[in-house]
Amino acid sequence: MFCSSCGKQIDNALKFCNGCGERIKKEEGDSPLSSLIVALIIIGTAGLAILVGLTAVLLDKIPTFEAVLIFAVIYLGVLFGICFMIMRQITKLIDADLSRRRFPETEGRVAELPPRSTNPLDEFREPASVTDQTTRTLDKIPR
């Protein structure tokens, strides 16, 4: 496993990177998926409770039923819009979690390039003498 911040290879059991100190694994309780689900439940329940309370108060204060009905429809539309946006984020998190489970070998990997080589030669060879090469070229070839 590699650190997503600095790219150093780290042990899977560690929670923090040895090189940069970045947190590797999050705690089980602070999952964004569970936080969004709790937020959706709280917002939906509290929003409906507030609507019931406001409707009861408005029916006592305002004599026309149509104004209270228009208010309730607008309020429900806004509440539905907020819950819909949270649900879209929940589905994105679920899709990301499913793709991580489907392809676990790609999780946490950093794309690596091979190290740059400053030596274009494959292996070290003894330096060739210029005079040896010249002398061999001028030698007579037997026929």
C-alpha atoms as a PDB file:
ATOM      1  CA  MET A   1       0.000   0.000   0.000  1.00  0.00           C
ATOM      2  CA  PHE A   2       1.212   3.505  -0.821  1.00  0.00           C
ATOM      3  CA  CYS A   3       0.471   6.828   0.879  1.00  0.00           C
ATOM      4  CA  SER A   4      -1.875   8.988  -1.201  1.00  0.00           C
ATOM      5  CA  SER A   5      -0.127  12.144  -0.014  1.00  0.00           C
ATOM      6  CA  CYS A   6       3.610  11.467  -0.371  1.00  0.00           C
ATOM      7  CA  GLY A   7       3.686   8.139  -2.282  1.00  0.00           C
ATOM      8  CA  LYS A   8       5.839   6.305   0.263  1.00  0.00           C
ATOM      9  CA  GLN A   9       5.215   2.573   0.652  1.00  0.00           C
ATOM     10  CA  ILE A  10       3.587   1.829   4.010  1.00  0.00           C
ATOM     11  CA  ASP A  11       2.336  -1.142   5.993  1.00  0.00           C
ATOM     12  CA  ASN A  12      -1.404  -1.936   5.778  1.00  0.00           C
ATOM     13  CA  ALA A  13      -1.750  -2.054   9.557  1.00  0.00           C
ATOM     14  CA  LEU A  14      -0.642   1.575  10.055  1.00  0.00           C
ATOM     15  CA  LYS A  15      -3.144   4.368  10.532  1.00  0.00           C
ATOM     16  CA  PHE A  16      -0.677   7.173   9.735  1.00  0.00           C
ATOM     17  CA  CYS A  17       2.075   7.460   7.124  1.00  0.00           C
ATOM     18  CA  ASN A  18       5.646   7.209   8.418  1.00  0.00           C
ATOM     19  CA  GLY A  19       6.855   9.777   5.892  1.00  0.00           C
ATOM     20  CA  CYS A  20       4.340  12.630   6.011  1.00  0.00           C
ATOM     21  CA  GLY A  21       2.009  11.796   8.917  1.00  0.00           C
ATOM     22  CA  GLU A  22      -1.142  11.707   6.769  1.00  0.00           C
ATOM     23  CA  ARG A  23      -3.995   9.586   8.146  1.00  0.00           C
ATOM     24  CA  ILE A  24      -4.307   6.339   6.186  1.00  0.00           C
ATOM     25  CA  LYS A  25      -7.417   4.659   7.567  1.00  0.00           C
ATOM     26  CA  LYS A  26     -10.419   6.466   8.930  1.00  0.00           C
ATOM     27  CA  GLU A  27     -12.155   5.328  12.064  1.00  0.00           C
ATOM     28  CA  GLU A  28     -15.202   3.123  11.581  1.00  0.00           C
ATOM     29  CA  GLY A  29     -17.628   5.590  13.182  1.00  0.00           C
ATOM     30  CA  ASP A  30     -16.877   8.666  11.065  1.00  0.00           C
ATOM     31  CA  SER A  31     -18.021   7.293   7.723  1.00  0.00           C
ATOM     32  CA  PRO A  32     -19.534   9.996   5.497  1.00  0.00           C
ATOM     33  CA  LEU A  33     -22.208   7.531   4.375  1.00  0.00           C
ATOM     34  CA  SER A  34     -23.540   6.948   7.878  1.00  0.00           C
ATOM     35  CA  SER A  35     -23.341  10.686   8.626  1.00  0.00           C
ATOM     36  CA  LEU A  36     -25.417  11.534   5.558  1.00  0.00           C
ATOM     37  CA  ILE A  37     -28.024   8.898   6.382  1.00  0.00           C
ATOM     38  CA  VAL A  38     -28.383  10.263   9.919  1.00  0.00           C
ATOM     39  CA  ALA A  39     -28.614  13.820   8.533  1.00  0.00           C
ATOM     40  CA  LEU A  40     -31.316  12.754   6.064  1.00  0.00           C
ATOM     41  CA  ILE A  41     -33.384  11.132   8.814  1.00  0.00           C
ATOM     42  CA  ILE A  42     -33.039  14.129  11.135  1.00  0.00           C
ATOM     43  CA  ILE A  43     -33.817  16.697   8.435  1.00  0.00           C
ATOM     44  CA  GLY A  44     -36.819  14.748   7.138  1.00  0.00           C
ATOM     45  CA  THR A  45     -38.306  14.106  10.584  1.00  0.00           C
ATOM     46  CA  ALA A  46     -37.636  17.586  11.954  1.00  0.00           C
ATOM     47  CA  GLY A  47     -38.868  19.200   8.727  1.00  0.00           C
ATOM     48  CA  LEU A  48     -42.190  17.365   8.847  1.00  0.00           C
ATOM     49  CA  ALA A  49     -42.612  18.136  12.558  1.00  0.00           C
ATOM     50  CA  ILE A  50     -41.961  21.825  11.920  1.00  0.00           C
ATOM     51  CA  LEU A  51     -44.465  21.790   9.042  1.00  0.00           C
ATOM     52  CA  VAL A  52     -47.177  20.291  11.255  1.00  0.00           C
ATOM     53  CA  GLY A  53     -46.504  22.858  14.001  1.00  0.00           C
ATOM     54  CA  LEU A  54     -46.413  25.826  11.631  1.00  0.00           C
ATOM     55  CA  THR A  55     -49.562  24.675   9.870  1.00  0.00           C
ATOM     56  CA  ALA A  56     -51.409  24.441  13.191  1.00  0.00           C
ATOM     57  CA  VAL A  57     -50.249  27.934  14.209  1.00  0.00           C
ATOM     58  CA  LEU A  58     -51.027  29.447  10.798  1.00  0.00           C
ATOM     59  CA  LEU A  59     -54.517  27.955  10.691  1.00  0.00           C
ATOM     60  CA  ASP A  60     -55.268  29.746  13.983  1.00  0.00           C
ATOM     61  CA  LYS A  61     -53.765  33.085  12.860  1.00  0.00           C
ATOM     62  CA  ILE A  62     -54.717  33.240   9.165  1.00  0.00           C
ATOM     63  CA  PRO A  63     -58.404  32.849   8.306  1.00  0.00           C
ATOM     64  CA  THR A  64     -57.890  31.715   4.693  1.00  0.00           C
ATOM     65  CA  PHE A  65     -57.066  28.085   4.135  1.00  0.00           C
ATOM     66  CA  GLU A  66     -55.561  28.678   0.664  1.00  0.00           C
ATOM     67  CA  ALA A  67     -52.649  30.772   2.011  1.00  0.00           C
ATOM     68  CA  VAL A  68     -51.742  28.039   4.518  1.00  0.00           C
ATOM     69  CA  LEU A  69     -51.994  25.416   1.768  1.00  0.00           C
ATOM     70  CA  ILE A  70     -49.682  27.419  -0.525  1.00  0.00           C
ATOM     71  CA  PHE A  71     -47.201  27.811   2.339  1.00  0.00           C
ATOM     72  CA  ALA A  72     -47.335  24.062   3.086  1.00  0.00           C
ATOM     73  CA  VAL A  73     -46.774  23.136  -0.586  1.00  0.00           C
ATOM     74  CA  ILE A  74     -43.776  25.480  -0.909  1.00  0.00           C
ATOM     75  CA  TYR A  75     -42.344  24.222   2.384  1.00  0.00           C
ATOM     76  CA  LEU A  76     -42.743  20.578   1.311  1.00  0.00           C
ATOM     77  CA  GLY A  77     -41.105  21.374  -2.038  1.00  0.00           C
ATOM     78  CA  VAL A  78     -38.064  22.908  -0.338  1.00  0.00           C
ATOM     79  CA  LEU A  79     -37.870  20.035   2.164  1.00  0.00           C
ATOM     80  CA  PHE A  80     -38.119  17.487  -0.664  1.00  0.00           C
ATOM     81  CA  GLY A  81     -35.370  19.316  -2.604  1.00  0.00           C
ATOM     82  CA  ILE A  82     -33.015  19.237   0.365  1.00  0.00           C
ATOM     83  CA  CYS A  83     -33.685  15.548   1.005  1.00  0.00           C
ATOM     84  CA  PHE A  84     -33.259  14.787  -2.705  1.00  0.00           C
ATOM     85  CA  MET A  85     -29.821  16.447  -2.790  1.00  0.00           C
ATOM     86  CA  ILE A  86     -28.709  14.456   0.265  1.00  0.00           C
ATOM     87  CA  MET A  87     -30.009  11.237  -1.314  1.00  0.00           C
ATOM     88  CA  ARG A  88     -27.967  11.921  -4.473  1.00  0.00           C
ATOM     89  CA  GLN A  89     -24.808  12.187  -2.369  1.00  0.00           C
ATOM     90  CA  ILE A  90     -25.697   8.966  -0.548  1.00  0.00           C
ATOM     91  CA  THR A  91     -26.071   7.086  -3.839  1.00  0.00           C
ATOM     92  CA  LYS A  92     -22.701   8.414  -5.050  1.00  0.00           C
ATOM     93  CA  LEU A  93     -21.031   7.200  -1.844  1.00  0.00           C
ATOM     94  CA  ILE A  94     -22.695   3.781  -2.152  1.00  0.00           C
ATOM     95  CA  ASP A  95     -21.524   3.477  -5.793  1.00  0.00           C
ATOM     96  CA  ALA A  96     -17.965   4.411  -4.803  1.00  0.00           C
ATOM     97  CA  ASP A  97     -18.032   1.867  -1.976  1.00  0.00           C
ATOM     98  CA  LEU A  98     -19.299  -0.875  -4.292  1.00  0.00           C
ATOM     99  CA  SER A  99     -16.631  -0.148  -6.903  1.00  0.00           C
ATOM    100  CA  ARG A 100     -13.941  -0.245  -4.189  1.00  0.00           C
ATOM    101  CA  ARG A 101     -15.216  -3.643  -3.066  1.00  0.00           C
ATOM    102  CA  ARG A 102     -15.351  -4.896  -6.645  1.00  0.00           C
ATOM    103  CA  PHE A 103     -11.771  -3.799  -7.471  1.00  0.00           C
ATOM    104  CA  PRO A 104      -9.844  -3.870  -4.165  1.00  0.00           C
ATOM    105  CA  GLU A 105      -6.396  -4.140  -5.745  1.00  0.00           C
ATOM    106  CA  THR A 106      -6.563  -0.586  -7.123  1.00  0.00           C
ATOM    107  CA  GLU A 107      -7.396   0.982  -3.771  1.00  0.00           C
ATOM    108  CA  GLY A 108      -4.641   3.150  -2.344  1.00  0.00           C
ATOM    109  CA  ARG A 109      -2.266   2.604  -5.243  1.00  0.00           C
ATOM    110  CA  VAL A 110      -0.380   5.491  -6.675  1.00  0.00           C
ATOM    111  CA  ALA A 111       0.626   5.432 -10.312  1.00  0.00           C
ATOM    112  CA  GLU A 112       4.381   5.084 -10.456  1.00  0.00           C
ATOM    113  CA  LEU A 113       6.775   5.759 -13.269  1.00  0.00           C
ATOM    114  CA  PRO A 114      10.047   3.866 -13.538  1.00  0.00           C
ATOM    115  CA  PRO A 115      12.992   5.774 -12.084  1.00  0.00           C
ATOM    116  CA  ARG A 116      14.862   7.977 -14.512  1.00  0.00           C
ATOM    117  CA  SER A 117      18.180   6.575 -15.552  1.00  0.00           C
ATOM    118  CA  THR A 118      21.080   8.904 -16.225  1.00  0.00           C
ATOM    119  CA  ASN A 119      23.167   6.088 -17.660  1.00  0.00           C
ATOM    120  CA  PRO A 120      21.977   5.062 -21.131  1.00  0.00           C
ATOM    121  CA  LEU A 121      24.316   2.048 -21.178  1.00  0.00           C
ATOM    122  CA  ASP A 122      22.932  -1.327 -20.159  1.00  0.00           C
ATOM    123  CA  GLU A 123      25.986  -2.378 -18.200  1.00  0.00           C
ATOM    124  CA  PHE A 124      29.387  -1.060 -17.336  1.00  0.00           C
ATOM    125  CA  ARG A 125      32.034  -1.756 -19.934  1.00  0.00           C
ATOM    126  CA  GLU A 126      35.735  -1.087 -19.797  1.00  0.00           C
ATOM    127  CA  PRO A 127      36.665   2.121 -21.560  1.00  0.00           C
ATOM    128  CA  ALA A 128      37.927   1.503 -25.070  1.00  0.00           C
ATOM    129  CA  SER A 129      41.272   2.950 -26.015  1.00  0.00           C
ATOM    130  CA  VAL A 130      41.247   5.232 -29.029  1.00  0.00           C
ATOM    131  CA  THR A 131      44.698   4.108 -30.144  1.00  0.00           C
ATOM    132  CA  ASP A 132      43.776   0.412 -29.977  1.00  0.00           C
ATOM    133  CA  GLN A 133      40.785   0.975 -32.221  1.00  0.00           C
ATOM    134  CA  THR A 134      42.844   2.999 -34.681  1.00  0.00           C
ATOM    135  CA  THR A 135      45.649   0.441 -34.813  1.00  0.00           C
ATOM    136  CA  ARG A 136      43.254  -2.389 -35.514  1.00  0.00           C
ATOM    137  CA  THR A 137      41.705  -0.450 -38.338  1.00  0.00           C
ATOM    138  CA  LEU A 138      45.076   0.106 -40.029  1.00  0.00           C
ATOM    139  CA  ASP A 139      46.251  -3.500 -39.656  1.00  0.00           C
ATOM    140  CA  LYS A 140      46.644  -5.427 -42.842  1.00  0.00           C
ATOM    141  CA  ILE A 141      44.032  -8.030 -43.464  1.00  0.00           C
ATOM    142  CA  PRO A 142      45.480 -11.367 -44.556  1.00  0.00           C
ATOM    143  CA  ARG A 143      44.240 -12.645 -47.896  1.00  0.00           C
END
